Amino acid sequence: MESLPSDFDGAWKYAMHHFFPPFTQLFFPLVYAAIDWSKPFHFLTTALEQIDPDRSQGKQHTDTLVQVIRRDGKQSLVFVHIEIQSQYDTEFPERMFRYHARLFDRQRQPVVSLAVLGDERASWHPDHFGYNLWECELTLKFPTVKLIKLDRSMLEASNNPVAALTLIHCDALETRGQPAQRMERKIARFRSCLRKGYSIDDFRKLIRLLDQLLRLDPNTNRQVRATIRQIEQEEQGMDTFVTSFEQLAREEGRAEGREEGRAEILQEVVLRLLKRRCGSLPATLQHQVIQLDSAQLLALSEAVLELNSLDDLHGWLAQQE
């Protein structure tokens, strides 16, 4: 029995694109209340790439830039830059300032910087960067949330899916190197999510995140899946079992079930459609499209008419990760 490293970065990147409103509501209620949610919001992946050359080299980043519209009717556009920091980093405050300054310089619109700290150091809680020299003073203060300091009873009682994700994150921290305990937590957390009554779509997303964060070796995970089958049948019946557990199995078996010839044709058609709609695609984007399976390629072909820019395409692809 063995516990594997948790994919904190990948899990939170996925969650940000799928649970942005509940994320904001739980962690930054003042921000949530100030956003006009009746208007669309947009993830601006390309804008982040333009201010950080490392992104074009394929380096992993967990920050997200979202363009939102204010509820108060003043300057309508606001760029919300959110950084998920899962490890202690002495340079983190400076990086928050650097990105804030670069984004403002590029967008010339208000930028709101927010931070979520997912590390285990309870005493580390950076919330500002600045300096003062010769009567010249500069300070950036940014709201931060420390996951391990949040009220567990509040999170357990909440129906917000990001509260469940936060509990899973803490479970992952607390069960490093303890596969037996991680197995117990994973089963218990699955049962808790099932009883919350989430929509099928949100439930599937949470189960995916559960697998990313509470990772176990294949043999142990099979035992977990067997227990999950029993729990679903006991609690909700066969319908829920089919929608959640088999969905995981399908995701794990994509490569085996892919029809290569059909996929190649779909790839060619979708790439041509995207070129007509969004213009020439960078090599990195073409590579991401080629990596999609047949079902995703079909979905993308249907979504093409709704894509107006490379940023829109970036956002769509991020939702498939």
Foldseek 3Di string as FASTA:
>chain_A
DWWDAFPVLLLLLLCCLVQVLLVCCVQPVVVSVFFDPVDDKFKFPVLVCVLDVVVVVVDGARKTWMWTATPVPDPGTEIEIEHEAQEDDPCVQVVQVSVLVSSCVVPVHHYAYEYEYNYDDPPDDDFKDWDADPNDTDMDGHYYHYLVPDDLVVLLPDLRLVSLLSVLSVLLVVCHGPLVSLLVVLLVSLLSNVVSPDDLVSNQSSNVSSCNRSPDPPVSVVVSLVVVLVSCCVPPRDVSVCSHSVVVVCVVCQVVPADVVLLVVLLVVLQVLLCVQANDDPPVLSVLSSPDGPVVSVVSVVCSVVDRYVSSVVSSSSNVD
